[in-house]
């Protein structure tokens, strides 16, 4: 599979070089394709047994719930759980998936089987916390 970012960059360069011509139809067509390329967000799942994320953050994940069913959700990942909360992860100086519950505090998710980067927010939408 082609590297999506490379394809988008090469297409942007192509559109720039073509834009010097005076052909409104093709300029519009090429710009529409570029918009579609940028909007398309293919989910590239990674098995947790193959690789874990290389930075802290939130990710799209597949949770295996009690080994009975799977669910797609968003979950936080830390390269060092101890840095997230010294009380809830006192001796956990290792990477892991976690969530926070307002009543019980932080807890680790051990049933994450796959993860992927979160897609970007649509234009005009501000990400909230």
N, C-alpha and C. Protein backbone atom coordinates (compact mmCIF):
# COMPACT_ATOMS: atom_id res chain seq x y z
N UNK A 1 0.84 -1.18 0.00
CA UNK A 1 0.00 0.00 0.00
C UNK A 1 0.89 1.25 0.00
N UNK A 2 0.50 2.24 -0.75
CA UNK A 2 1.27 3.48 -0.85
C UNK A 2 1.16 4.29 0.44
N UNK A 3 2.21 5.04 0.71
CA UNK A 3 2.21 5.93 1.86
C UNK A 3 1.28 7.09 1.54
N UNK A 4 0.18 7.22 2.29
CA UNK A 4 -0.86 8.21 2.01
C UNK A 4 -0.31 9.63 1.98
N UNK A 5 0.53 9.99 2.96
CA UNK A 5 1.07 11.34 3.03
C UNK A 5 1.92 11.66 1.80
N UNK A 6 2.68 10.67 1.32
CA UNK A 6 3.51 10.87 0.14
C UNK A 6 2.64 11.09 -1.09
N UNK A 7 1.58 10.31 -1.21
CA UNK A 7 0.67 10.45 -2.35
C UNK A 7 0.02 11.83 -2.34
N UNK A 8 -0.44 12.27 -1.18
CA UNK A 8 -1.07 13.59 -1.08
C UNK A 8 -0.07 14.68 -1.46
N UNK A 9 1.16 14.58 -0.97
CA UNK A 9 2.19 15.58 -1.26
C UNK A 9 2.50 15.62 -2.76
N UNK A 10 2.66 14.45 -3.37
CA UNK A 10 2.94 14.40 -4.81
C UNK A 10 1.78 14.97 -5.61
N UNK A 11 0.56 14.69 -5.17
CA UNK A 11 -0.61 15.22 -5.87
C UNK A 11 -0.69 16.73 -5.72
N UNK A 12 -0.38 17.25 -4.52
CA UNK A 12 -0.37 18.70 -4.31
C UNK A 12 0.64 19.36 -5.26
N UNK A 13 1.82 18.76 -5.39
CA UNK A 13 2.84 19.30 -6.29
C UNK A 13 2.36 19.28 -7.74
N UNK A 14 1.68 18.19 -8.11
CA UNK A 14 1.13 18.09 -9.47
C UNK A 14 0.10 19.18 -9.72
N UNK A 15 -0.79 19.38 -8.78
CA UNK A 15 -1.83 20.41 -8.92
C UNK A 15 -1.20 21.79 -9.05
N UNK A 16 -0.16 22.07 -8.25
CA UNK A 16 0.52 23.37 -8.33
C UNK A 16 1.13 23.58 -9.71
N UNK A 17 1.77 22.54 -10.25
CA UNK A 17 2.40 22.69 -11.57
C UNK A 17 1.34 22.86 -12.66
N UNK A 18 0.22 22.20 -12.50
CA UNK A 18 -0.85 22.28 -13.50
C UNK A 18 -1.60 23.61 -13.39
N UNK A 19 -1.61 24.22 -12.23
CA UNK A 19 -2.39 25.43 -12.02
C UNK A 19 -1.89 26.61 -12.84
N UNK A 20 -0.70 26.49 -13.42
CA UNK A 20 -0.18 27.56 -14.28
C UNK A 20 -0.93 27.60 -15.61
N UNK A 21 -1.60 26.51 -15.94
CA UNK A 21 -2.38 26.47 -17.18
C UNK A 21 -3.73 27.15 -16.94
N UNK A 22 -4.35 27.54 -18.02
CA UNK A 22 -5.63 28.23 -17.90
C UNK A 22 -6.76 27.28 -18.32
N UNK A 23 -7.03 26.28 -17.48
CA UNK A 23 -8.09 25.34 -17.78
C UNK A 23 -8.91 25.14 -16.51
N UNK A 24 -9.98 25.89 -16.37
CA UNK A 24 -10.80 25.91 -15.16
C UNK A 24 -11.38 24.54 -14.82
N UNK A 25 -11.83 23.79 -15.83
CA UNK A 25 -12.44 22.49 -15.57
C UNK A 25 -11.45 21.55 -14.87
N UNK A 26 -10.24 21.41 -15.42
CA UNK A 26 -9.27 20.50 -14.84
C UNK A 26 -8.76 20.99 -13.49
N UNK A 27 -8.61 22.29 -13.34
CA UNK A 27 -8.19 22.83 -12.03
C UNK A 27 -9.22 22.45 -10.98
N UNK A 28 -10.49 22.62 -11.30
CA UNK A 28 -11.56 22.29 -10.36
C UNK A 28 -11.58 20.80 -10.05
N UNK A 29 -11.43 19.98 -11.10
CA UNK A 29 -11.41 18.53 -10.92
C UNK A 29 -10.24 18.10 -10.04
N UNK A 30 -9.05 18.61 -10.31
CA UNK A 30 -7.87 18.24 -9.53
C UNK A 30 -8.01 18.70 -8.08
N UNK A 31 -8.54 19.89 -7.88
CA UNK A 31 -8.73 20.37 -6.51
C UNK A 31 -9.76 19.52 -5.76
N UNK A 32 -10.80 19.07 -6.45
CA UNK A 32 -11.80 18.20 -5.82
C UNK A 32 -11.17 16.88 -5.39
N UNK A 33 -10.34 16.31 -6.25
CA UNK A 33 -9.65 15.06 -5.91
C UNK A 33 -8.73 15.28 -4.71
N UNK A 34 -8.03 16.41 -4.69
CA UNK A 34 -7.14 16.71 -3.57
C UNK A 34 -7.93 16.81 -2.27
N UNK A 35 -9.08 17.45 -2.30
CA UNK A 35 -9.93 17.54 -1.10
C UNK A 35 -10.34 16.15 -0.65
N UNK A 36 -10.74 15.30 -1.59
CA UNK A 36 -11.14 13.93 -1.22
C UNK A 36 -9.97 13.15 -0.62
N UNK A 37 -8.77 13.30 -1.19
CA UNK A 37 -7.59 12.62 -0.65
C UNK A 37 -7.32 13.07 0.79
N UNK A 38 -7.45 14.35 1.03
CA UNK A 38 -7.17 14.87 2.37
C UNK A 38 -8.24 14.46 3.37
N UNK A 39 -9.49 14.35 2.90
CA UNK A 39 -10.58 13.99 3.81
C UNK A 39 -10.61 12.51 4.13
N UNK A 40 -10.11 11.69 3.19
CA UNK A 40 -10.14 10.25 3.41
C UNK A 40 -9.17 9.87 4.51
N UNK A 41 -9.66 9.19 5.50
CA UNK A 41 -8.82 8.74 6.60
C UNK A 41 -8.97 7.23 6.73
N UNK A 42 -8.09 6.51 6.10
CA UNK A 42 -8.13 5.06 6.23
C UNK A 42 -7.58 4.67 7.59
N UNK A 43 -8.26 3.76 8.26
CA UNK A 43 -7.78 3.30 9.56
C UNK A 43 -6.74 2.21 9.33
N UNK A 44 -5.54 2.47 9.77
CA UNK A 44 -4.46 1.50 9.64
C UNK A 44 -4.22 0.87 11.01
N UNK A 45 -4.88 -0.25 11.24
CA UNK A 45 -4.78 -0.93 12.53
C UNK A 45 -3.41 -1.57 12.72
N UNK A 46 -2.89 -1.48 13.94
CA UNK A 46 -1.64 -2.12 14.31
C UNK A 46 -1.92 -3.07 15.45
N UNK A 47 -1.44 -4.31 15.33
CA UNK A 47 -1.59 -5.27 16.43
C UNK A 47 -0.70 -4.86 17.58
N UNK A 48 -1.23 -4.92 18.78
CA UNK A 48 -0.42 -4.56 19.96
C UNK A 48 0.74 -5.52 20.15
N UNK A 49 0.60 -6.75 19.68
CA UNK A 49 1.71 -7.70 19.79
C UNK A 49 2.83 -7.37 18.80
N UNK A 50 2.52 -6.60 17.75
CA UNK A 50 3.53 -6.21 16.77
C UNK A 50 4.27 -4.94 17.20
N UNK A 51 3.51 -3.97 17.72
CA UNK A 51 4.11 -2.68 18.06
C UNK A 51 3.15 -1.87 18.92
N UNK A 52 3.69 -1.07 19.83
CA UNK A 52 2.89 -0.16 20.63
C UNK A 52 3.18 1.27 20.15
N UNK A 53 2.31 2.22 20.49
CA UNK A 53 2.58 3.60 20.08
C UNK A 53 3.92 4.10 20.65
N UNK A 54 4.52 5.06 19.95
CA UNK A 54 5.80 5.60 20.41
C UNK A 54 5.65 6.93 21.15
N UNK A 55 4.39 7.32 21.43
CA UNK A 55 4.16 8.54 22.21
C UNK A 55 2.86 8.42 23.00
N UNK A 56 2.80 9.17 24.10
CA UNK A 56 1.58 9.21 24.91
C UNK A 56 0.46 9.86 24.11
N UNK A 57 -0.77 9.48 24.41
CA UNK A 57 -1.90 10.12 23.75
C UNK A 57 -3.11 9.22 23.71
N UNK A 58 -4.14 9.70 23.03
CA UNK A 58 -5.36 8.93 22.84
C UNK A 58 -5.33 8.28 21.47
N UNK A 59 -5.85 7.05 21.41
CA UNK A 59 -5.84 6.28 20.17
C UNK A 59 -7.17 5.57 20.00
N UNK A 60 -7.48 5.25 18.75
CA UNK A 60 -8.60 4.39 18.44
C UNK A 60 -8.13 2.97 18.73
N UNK A 61 -8.91 2.21 19.48
CA UNK A 61 -8.47 0.87 19.88
C UNK A 61 -9.58 -0.16 19.69
N UNK A 62 -9.18 -1.41 19.66
CA UNK A 62 -10.12 -2.54 19.73
C UNK A 62 -9.94 -3.13 21.12
N UNK A 63 -11.02 -3.10 21.90
CA UNK A 63 -11.00 -3.67 23.25
C UNK A 63 -11.64 -5.05 23.21
N UNK A 64 -10.95 -6.02 23.76
CA UNK A 64 -11.52 -7.34 23.93
C UNK A 64 -12.13 -7.37 25.33
N UNK A 65 -13.45 -7.42 25.39
CA UNK A 65 -14.16 -7.36 26.66
C UNK A 65 -14.37 -8.78 27.19
N UNK A 66 -13.65 -9.11 28.25
CA UNK A 66 -13.72 -10.42 28.92
C UNK A 66 -13.58 -11.56 27.92
N UNK A 67 -12.88 -11.33 26.82
CA UNK A 67 -12.67 -12.37 25.82
C UNK A 67 -13.93 -12.82 25.12
N UNK A 68 -15.05 -12.10 25.35
CA UNK A 68 -16.33 -12.53 24.78
C UNK A 68 -16.74 -11.73 23.55
N UNK A 69 -16.42 -10.44 23.52
CA UNK A 69 -16.75 -9.63 22.36
C UNK A 69 -15.75 -8.50 22.25
N UNK A 70 -15.70 -7.89 21.07
CA UNK A 70 -14.77 -6.80 20.80
C UNK A 70 -15.55 -5.50 20.58
N UNK A 71 -14.90 -4.40 20.93
CA UNK A 71 -15.53 -3.09 20.82
C UNK A 71 -14.48 -2.08 20.36
N UNK A 72 -14.84 -1.23 19.40
CA UNK A 72 -13.97 -0.13 19.00
C UNK A 72 -14.25 1.04 19.91
N UNK A 73 -13.19 1.64 20.46
CA UNK A 73 -13.33 2.72 21.43
C UNK A 73 -12.10 3.62 21.34
N UNK A 74 -12.08 4.65 22.14
CA UNK A 74 -10.91 5.51 22.28
C UNK A 74 -10.33 5.25 23.66
N UNK A 75 -9.01 5.11 23.72
CA UNK A 75 -8.34 4.82 24.98
C UNK A 75 -7.01 5.57 25.03
N UNK A 76 -6.59 5.93 26.23
CA UNK A 76 -5.32 6.64 26.40
C UNK A 76 -4.17 5.64 26.54
N UNK A 77 -3.00 6.06 26.08
CA UNK A 77 -1.80 5.24 26.17
C UNK A 77 -0.69 6.08 26.80
N UNK A 78 0.10 5.44 27.66
CA UNK A 78 1.26 6.12 28.26
C UNK A 78 2.48 5.22 28.14
N UNK A 79 3.59 5.83 27.81
CA UNK A 79 4.85 5.08 27.77
C UNK A 79 5.30 4.70 29.17
N UNK A 80 4.83 5.47 30.18
CA UNK A 80 5.16 5.18 31.57
C UNK A 80 3.92 5.46 32.42
N UNK A 81 3.21 4.40 32.80
CA UNK A 81 1.98 4.55 33.58
C UNK A 81 2.21 5.28 34.90
N UNK A 82 3.37 5.08 35.50
CA UNK A 82 3.68 5.70 36.79
C UNK A 82 3.63 7.23 36.69
N UNK A 83 4.02 7.78 35.54
CA UNK A 83 3.98 9.23 35.36
C UNK A 83 2.56 9.76 35.24
N UNK A 84 1.61 8.92 34.90
CA UNK A 84 0.21 9.35 34.79
C UNK A 84 -0.36 9.58 36.18
N UNK A 85 -0.15 8.64 37.09
CA UNK A 85 -0.62 8.78 38.46
C UNK A 85 0.20 7.87 39.37
N UNK A 86 0.92 8.46 40.29
CA UNK A 86 1.80 7.70 41.18
C UNK A 86 1.01 6.83 42.17
N UNK A 87 -0.23 7.23 42.49
CA UNK A 87 -1.04 6.48 43.44
C UNK A 87 -1.68 5.26 42.79
N UNK A 88 -2.33 5.46 41.63
CA UNK A 88 -3.01 4.34 40.96
C UNK A 88 -2.05 3.39 40.26
N UNK A 89 -0.87 3.88 39.86
CA UNK A 89 0.14 3.05 39.21
C UNK A 89 1.46 3.19 39.97
N UNK A 90 1.52 2.73 41.24
CA UNK A 90 2.70 2.99 42.07
C UNK A 90 3.99 2.33 41.57
N UNK A 91 3.92 1.12 41.09
CA UNK A 91 5.13 0.41 40.64
C UNK A 91 5.03 0.03 39.17
N UNK A 92 4.37 0.86 38.40
CA UNK A 92 4.11 0.53 37.01
C UNK A 92 4.93 1.40 36.06
N UNK A 93 6.22 1.34 36.14
CA UNK A 93 7.07 2.13 35.24
C UNK A 93 7.25 1.36 33.94
N UNK A 94 6.16 1.29 33.20
CA UNK A 94 6.11 0.56 31.94
C UNK A 94 4.98 1.14 31.09
N UNK A 95 4.96 0.83 29.79
CA UNK A 95 3.87 1.34 28.95
C UNK A 95 2.56 0.62 29.23
N UNK A 96 1.45 1.28 28.93
CA UNK A 96 0.16 0.64 29.09
C UNK A 96 -1.00 1.52 28.65
N UNK A 97 -2.15 0.88 28.48
CA UNK A 97 -3.40 1.54 28.11
C UNK A 97 -4.17 1.82 29.39
N UNK A 98 -4.79 2.98 29.47
CA UNK A 98 -5.50 3.33 30.70
C UNK A 98 -6.69 4.25 30.42
N UNK A 99 -7.56 4.33 31.43
CA UNK A 99 -8.68 5.27 31.42
C UNK A 99 -8.82 5.84 32.82
N UNK A 100 -9.67 6.84 32.92
CA UNK A 100 -9.91 7.48 34.22
C UNK A 100 -11.40 7.43 34.52
N UNK A 101 -11.72 7.02 35.73
CA UNK A 101 -13.10 7.00 36.21
C UNK A 101 -13.18 8.01 37.36
N UNK A 102 -14.19 8.87 37.34
CA UNK A 102 -14.28 9.92 38.36
C UNK A 102 -14.47 9.36 39.77
N UNK A 103 -14.98 8.15 39.90
CA UNK A 103 -15.19 7.57 41.23
C UNK A 103 -14.03 6.70 41.70
N UNK A 104 -13.42 5.98 40.78
CA UNK A 104 -12.37 5.04 41.20
C UNK A 104 -10.96 5.46 40.82
N UNK A 105 -10.81 6.48 39.98
CA UNK A 105 -9.49 6.94 39.57
C UNK A 105 -9.04 6.27 38.28
N UNK A 106 -7.73 6.20 38.11
CA UNK A 106 -7.15 5.61 36.89
C UNK A 106 -7.16 4.09 36.99
N UNK A 107 -7.35 3.45 35.85
CA UNK A 107 -7.25 1.99 35.79
C UNK A 107 -6.69 1.58 34.44
N UNK A 108 -6.05 0.44 34.41
CA UNK A 108 -5.40 -0.04 33.20
C UNK A 108 -6.34 -0.95 32.41
N UNK A 109 -6.27 -0.81 31.07
CA UNK A 109 -6.97 -1.71 30.17
C UNK A 109 -5.96 -2.72 29.65
N UNK A 110 -6.19 -4.00 29.92
CA UNK A 110 -5.25 -5.02 29.45
C UNK A 110 -5.76 -5.77 28.22
N UNK A 111 -6.99 -5.53 27.82
CA UNK A 111 -7.58 -6.26 26.69
C UNK A 111 -7.53 -5.52 25.37
N UNK A 112 -6.56 -4.62 25.19
CA UNK A 112 -6.44 -3.90 23.92
C UNK A 112 -5.69 -4.79 22.94
N UNK A 113 -6.31 -5.08 21.79
CA UNK A 113 -5.68 -5.97 20.82
C UNK A 113 -5.07 -5.23 19.63
N UNK A 114 -5.68 -4.10 19.24
CA UNK A 114 -5.23 -3.32 18.09
C UNK A 114 -5.38 -1.84 18.40
N UNK A 115 -4.57 -1.01 17.73
CA UNK A 115 -4.69 0.43 17.90
C UNK A 115 -4.44 1.13 16.58
N UNK A 116 -4.92 2.38 16.48
CA UNK A 116 -4.71 3.21 15.29
C UNK A 116 -4.73 4.67 15.71
N UNK A 117 -4.08 5.51 14.92
CA UNK A 117 -4.12 6.95 15.17
C UNK A 117 -5.56 7.44 15.03
N UNK A 118 -5.92 8.44 15.83
CA UNK A 118 -7.24 9.05 15.69
C UNK A 118 -7.27 9.89 14.41
N UNK A 119 -8.40 9.90 13.71
CA UNK A 119 -8.49 10.77 12.53
C UNK A 119 -8.50 12.24 12.97
N UNK A 120 -8.20 13.12 12.04
CA UNK A 120 -8.23 14.54 12.35
C UNK A 120 -9.67 15.04 12.44
N UNK A 121 -9.87 16.11 13.20
CA UNK A 121 -11.19 16.68 13.33
C UNK A 121 -11.57 17.38 12.02
N UNK A 122 -12.87 17.42 11.68
CA UNK A 122 -13.29 18.14 10.48
C UNK A 122 -12.98 19.64 10.61
N UNK A 123 -12.81 20.30 9.47
CA UNK A 123 -12.57 21.74 9.48
C UNK A 123 -13.69 22.47 10.23
N UNK A 124 -13.32 23.43 11.03
CA UNK A 124 -14.29 24.23 11.76
C UNK A 124 -14.73 23.64 13.08
N UNK A 125 -14.31 22.42 13.40
CA UNK A 125 -14.69 21.76 14.65
C UNK A 125 -13.49 21.84 15.60
N UNK A 126 -13.73 22.36 16.79
CA UNK A 126 -12.65 22.48 17.78
C UNK A 126 -12.70 21.28 18.70
N UNK A 127 -11.54 20.64 18.89
CA UNK A 127 -11.47 19.46 19.77
C UNK A 127 -11.62 19.91 21.21
N UNK A 128 -12.45 19.22 21.95
CA UNK A 128 -12.68 19.56 23.35
C UNK A 128 -12.17 18.49 24.29
N UNK A 129 -12.14 18.82 25.54
CA UNK A 129 -11.71 17.86 26.57
C UNK A 129 -12.81 17.69 27.57
